[in-house]
Amino acid sequence: MYISKPVPNYVPSLGGIKNIEGQMLPKIKQTLMEKLSSKIPEKMEEEGGLKVKCTSVEPGDQGDFFFGLIKELKMIKL
């Protein structure tokens, strides 16, 4: 007869699930942003022959990035 011992609960010692999510979600987000900024241009060129530049930017920085890019493009004579 086998009697199993209870598995220790390690979650409270790590600060709970919210703490784990707080540590993992930023890493997942950063990895996803990096992968998408390289995969999207690859797919666009592969699927449609379109060369694009893709930059990942934190949501809070998107406005500054966008208007900075517009200002930069206005300086270029097309």
N, C-alpha and C. Protein backbone atom coordinates (compact mmCIF):
# COMPACT_ATOMS: atom_id res chain seq x y z
N MET A 1 0.84 -1.17 0.00
CA MET A 1 0.00 0.00 0.00
C MET A 1 0.89 1.25 0.00
N TYR A 2 0.56 2.22 -0.88
CA TYR A 2 1.34 3.44 -1.00
C TYR A 2 0.56 4.60 -0.41
N ILE A 3 1.17 5.31 0.50
CA ILE A 3 0.55 6.49 1.09
C ILE A 3 1.35 7.70 0.62
N SER A 4 0.67 8.57 -0.10
CA SER A 4 1.38 9.74 -0.61
C SER A 4 1.43 10.84 0.44
N LYS A 5 2.51 11.55 0.41
CA LYS A 5 2.66 12.69 1.31
C LYS A 5 2.09 13.92 0.59
N PRO A 6 1.52 14.82 1.32
CA PRO A 6 1.00 16.03 0.65
C PRO A 6 2.15 16.83 0.04
N VAL A 7 1.89 17.36 -1.12
CA VAL A 7 2.87 18.18 -1.82
C VAL A 7 2.88 19.55 -1.15
N PRO A 8 4.06 20.03 -0.79
CA PRO A 8 4.10 21.35 -0.15
C PRO A 8 3.62 22.44 -1.09
N ASN A 9 2.95 23.41 -0.54
CA ASN A 9 2.43 24.51 -1.33
C ASN A 9 3.49 25.61 -1.39
N TYR A 10 4.16 25.73 -2.54
CA TYR A 10 5.25 26.70 -2.68
C TYR A 10 4.75 28.09 -3.07
N VAL A 11 3.52 28.19 -3.53
CA VAL A 11 3.03 29.48 -4.00
C VAL A 11 3.07 30.55 -2.90
N PRO A 12 2.62 30.27 -1.68
CA PRO A 12 2.69 31.33 -0.67
C PRO A 12 4.12 31.80 -0.39
N SER A 13 5.08 30.90 -0.48
CA SER A 13 6.46 31.31 -0.21
C SER A 13 7.00 32.21 -1.31
N LEU A 14 6.39 32.19 -2.47
CA LEU A 14 6.83 33.05 -3.57
C LEU A 14 6.04 34.34 -3.62
N GLY A 15 5.11 34.51 -2.70
CA GLY A 15 4.33 35.74 -2.69
C GLY A 15 2.99 35.59 -3.38
N GLY A 16 2.59 34.42 -3.71
CA GLY A 16 1.28 34.20 -4.31
C GLY A 16 1.30 34.29 -5.82
N ILE A 17 0.17 33.94 -6.37
CA ILE A 17 0.02 33.90 -7.83
C ILE A 17 0.17 35.30 -8.43
N LYS A 18 -0.35 36.31 -7.77
CA LYS A 18 -0.22 37.68 -8.31
C LYS A 18 1.24 38.09 -8.44
N ASN A 19 2.06 37.69 -7.49
CA ASN A 19 3.49 38.01 -7.56
C ASN A 19 4.15 37.27 -8.72
N ILE A 20 3.77 36.01 -8.91
CA ILE A 20 4.32 35.23 -10.02
C ILE A 20 3.91 35.85 -11.34
N GLU A 21 2.62 36.22 -11.46
CA GLU A 21 2.15 36.87 -12.68
C GLU A 21 2.89 38.19 -12.90
N GLY A 22 3.08 38.93 -11.82
CA GLY A 22 3.78 40.21 -11.92
C GLY A 22 5.21 40.06 -12.40
N GLN A 23 5.82 38.93 -12.11
CA GLN A 23 7.19 38.69 -12.55
C GLN A 23 7.23 38.13 -13.97
N MET A 24 6.27 37.29 -14.30
CA MET A 24 6.30 36.60 -15.60
C MET A 24 5.71 37.44 -16.74
N LEU A 25 4.62 38.15 -16.49
CA LEU A 25 3.96 38.88 -17.57
C LEU A 25 4.85 39.91 -18.26
N PRO A 26 5.64 40.70 -17.53
CA PRO A 26 6.53 41.63 -18.25
C PRO A 26 7.55 40.91 -19.13
N LYS A 27 8.05 39.77 -18.68
CA LYS A 27 9.01 39.00 -19.49
C LYS A 27 8.34 38.44 -20.73
N ILE A 28 7.13 37.93 -20.57
CA ILE A 28 6.38 37.39 -21.71
C ILE A 28 6.08 38.50 -22.70
N LYS A 29 5.65 39.65 -22.19
CA LYS A 29 5.33 40.79 -23.05
C LYS A 29 6.56 41.24 -23.84
N GLN A 30 7.70 41.36 -23.17
CA GLN A 30 8.93 41.79 -23.83
C GLN A 30 9.35 40.81 -24.92
N THR A 31 9.28 39.53 -24.61
CA THR A 31 9.64 38.50 -25.59
C THR A 31 8.70 38.55 -26.79
N LEU A 32 7.42 38.71 -26.53
CA LEU A 32 6.44 38.78 -27.61
C LEU A 32 6.67 40.01 -28.48
N MET A 33 6.93 41.14 -27.85
CA MET A 33 7.20 42.36 -28.62
C MET A 33 8.43 42.20 -29.51
N GLU A 34 9.48 41.60 -28.99
CA GLU A 34 10.70 41.40 -29.77
C GLU A 34 10.46 40.45 -30.93
N LYS A 35 9.75 39.35 -30.67
CA LYS A 35 9.49 38.37 -31.73
C LYS A 35 8.61 38.95 -32.81
N LEU A 36 7.55 39.67 -32.43
CA LEU A 36 6.65 40.23 -33.43
C LEU A 36 7.33 41.28 -34.28
N SER A 37 8.21 42.07 -33.68
CA SER A 37 8.87 43.12 -34.46
C SER A 37 9.85 42.55 -35.47
N SER A 38 10.23 41.29 -35.32
CA SER A 38 11.07 40.66 -36.35
C SER A 38 10.25 39.76 -37.27
N LYS A 39 9.22 39.13 -36.74
CA LYS A 39 8.43 38.20 -37.55
C LYS A 39 7.50 38.91 -38.52
N ILE A 40 6.92 40.04 -38.12
CA ILE A 40 5.99 40.75 -39.01
C ILE A 40 6.67 41.18 -40.30
N PRO A 41 7.83 41.84 -40.25
CA PRO A 41 8.49 42.19 -41.52
C PRO A 41 8.84 40.98 -42.37
N GLU A 42 9.28 39.90 -41.73
CA GLU A 42 9.59 38.68 -42.48
C GLU A 42 8.36 38.17 -43.22
N LYS A 43 7.23 38.09 -42.53
CA LYS A 43 5.99 37.60 -43.14
C LYS A 43 5.50 38.52 -44.24
N MET A 44 5.59 39.85 -44.01
CA MET A 44 5.12 40.80 -45.01
C MET A 44 5.93 40.67 -46.30
N GLU A 45 7.23 40.47 -46.17
CA GLU A 45 8.06 40.32 -47.36
C GLU A 45 7.82 38.97 -48.02
N GLU A 46 7.70 37.95 -47.20
CA GLU A 46 7.49 36.59 -47.71
C GLU A 46 6.13 36.46 -48.40
N GLU A 47 5.10 36.95 -47.77
CA GLU A 47 3.73 36.77 -48.28
C GLU A 47 3.36 37.77 -49.38
N GLY A 48 3.79 39.02 -49.23
CA GLY A 48 3.34 40.03 -50.17
C GLY A 48 4.44 40.78 -50.89
N GLY A 49 5.69 40.44 -50.59
CA GLY A 49 6.80 41.14 -51.24
C GLY A 49 6.97 42.57 -50.77
N LEU A 50 6.42 42.88 -49.61
CA LEU A 50 6.46 44.23 -49.08
C LEU A 50 7.53 44.33 -47.99
N LYS A 51 8.45 45.27 -48.16
CA LYS A 51 9.49 45.47 -47.15
C LYS A 51 9.01 46.53 -46.16
N VAL A 52 8.96 46.15 -44.90
CA VAL A 52 8.51 47.07 -43.86
C VAL A 52 9.50 47.05 -42.70
N LYS A 53 9.47 48.12 -41.94
CA LYS A 53 10.23 48.18 -40.70
C LYS A 53 9.22 48.18 -39.57
N CYS A 54 9.42 47.33 -38.60
CA CYS A 54 8.49 47.19 -37.49
C CYS A 54 9.25 47.42 -36.19
N THR A 55 8.75 48.34 -35.39
CA THR A 55 9.38 48.66 -34.12
C THR A 55 8.38 48.44 -33.00
N SER A 56 8.77 47.72 -31.98
CA SER A 56 7.87 47.52 -30.84
C SER A 56 8.12 48.62 -29.83
N VAL A 57 7.03 49.20 -29.35
CA VAL A 57 7.10 50.31 -28.42
C VAL A 57 6.09 50.07 -27.30
N GLU A 58 6.48 50.38 -26.08
CA GLU A 58 5.56 50.26 -24.95
C GLU A 58 4.35 51.16 -25.20
N PRO A 59 3.16 50.75 -24.77
CA PRO A 59 1.96 51.56 -25.02
C PRO A 59 2.09 53.01 -24.55
N GLY A 60 2.70 53.24 -23.42
CA GLY A 60 2.86 54.60 -22.92
C GLY A 60 3.80 55.46 -23.74
N ASP A 61 4.62 54.84 -24.57
CA ASP A 61 5.60 55.56 -25.39
C ASP A 61 5.17 55.70 -26.85
N GLN A 62 4.02 55.14 -27.20
CA GLN A 62 3.61 55.11 -28.61
C GLN A 62 3.37 56.50 -29.19
N GLY A 63 2.76 57.37 -28.42
CA GLY A 63 2.48 58.72 -28.92
C GLY A 63 3.77 59.47 -29.24
N ASP A 64 4.70 59.47 -28.29
CA ASP A 64 5.98 60.15 -28.51
C ASP A 64 6.72 59.54 -29.69
N PHE A 65 6.69 58.21 -29.80
CA PHE A 65 7.36 57.53 -30.91
C PHE A 65 6.74 57.94 -32.24
N PHE A 66 5.41 57.92 -32.30
CA PHE A 66 4.71 58.23 -33.54
C PHE A 66 4.98 59.66 -34.00
N PHE A 67 4.80 60.61 -33.08
CA PHE A 67 4.99 62.00 -33.48
C PHE A 67 6.47 62.32 -33.74
N GLY A 68 7.36 61.65 -33.06
CA GLY A 68 8.79 61.80 -33.34
C GLY A 68 9.12 61.29 -34.73
N LEU A 69 8.50 60.18 -35.12
CA LEU A 69 8.71 59.62 -36.46
C LEU A 69 8.15 60.55 -37.53
N ILE A 70 6.95 61.09 -37.29
CA ILE A 70 6.35 62.02 -38.24
C ILE A 70 7.26 63.24 -38.42
N LYS A 71 7.77 63.77 -37.31
CA LYS A 71 8.66 64.93 -37.38
C LYS A 71 9.92 64.59 -38.18
N GLU A 72 10.46 63.39 -37.94
CA GLU A 72 11.65 62.94 -38.65
C GLU A 72 11.37 62.78 -40.15
N LEU A 73 10.21 62.25 -40.50
CA LEU A 73 9.86 62.06 -41.90
C LEU A 73 9.64 63.38 -42.62
N LYS A 74 9.15 64.38 -41.90
CA LYS A 74 8.95 65.69 -42.52
C LYS A 74 10.27 66.34 -42.89
N MET A 75 11.34 65.97 -42.21
CA MET A 75 12.66 66.52 -42.51
C MET A 75 13.27 65.91 -43.76
N ILE A 76 12.76 64.75 -44.15
CA ILE A 76 13.28 64.07 -45.35
C ILE A 76 12.53 64.58 -46.58
N LYS A 77 13.26 65.05 -47.55
CA LYS A 77 12.65 65.50 -48.81
C LYS A 77 12.41 64.30 -49.71
N LEU A 78 11.17 64.04 -50.02
CA LEU A 78 10.83 62.92 -50.90
C LEU A 78 10.65 63.36 -52.30
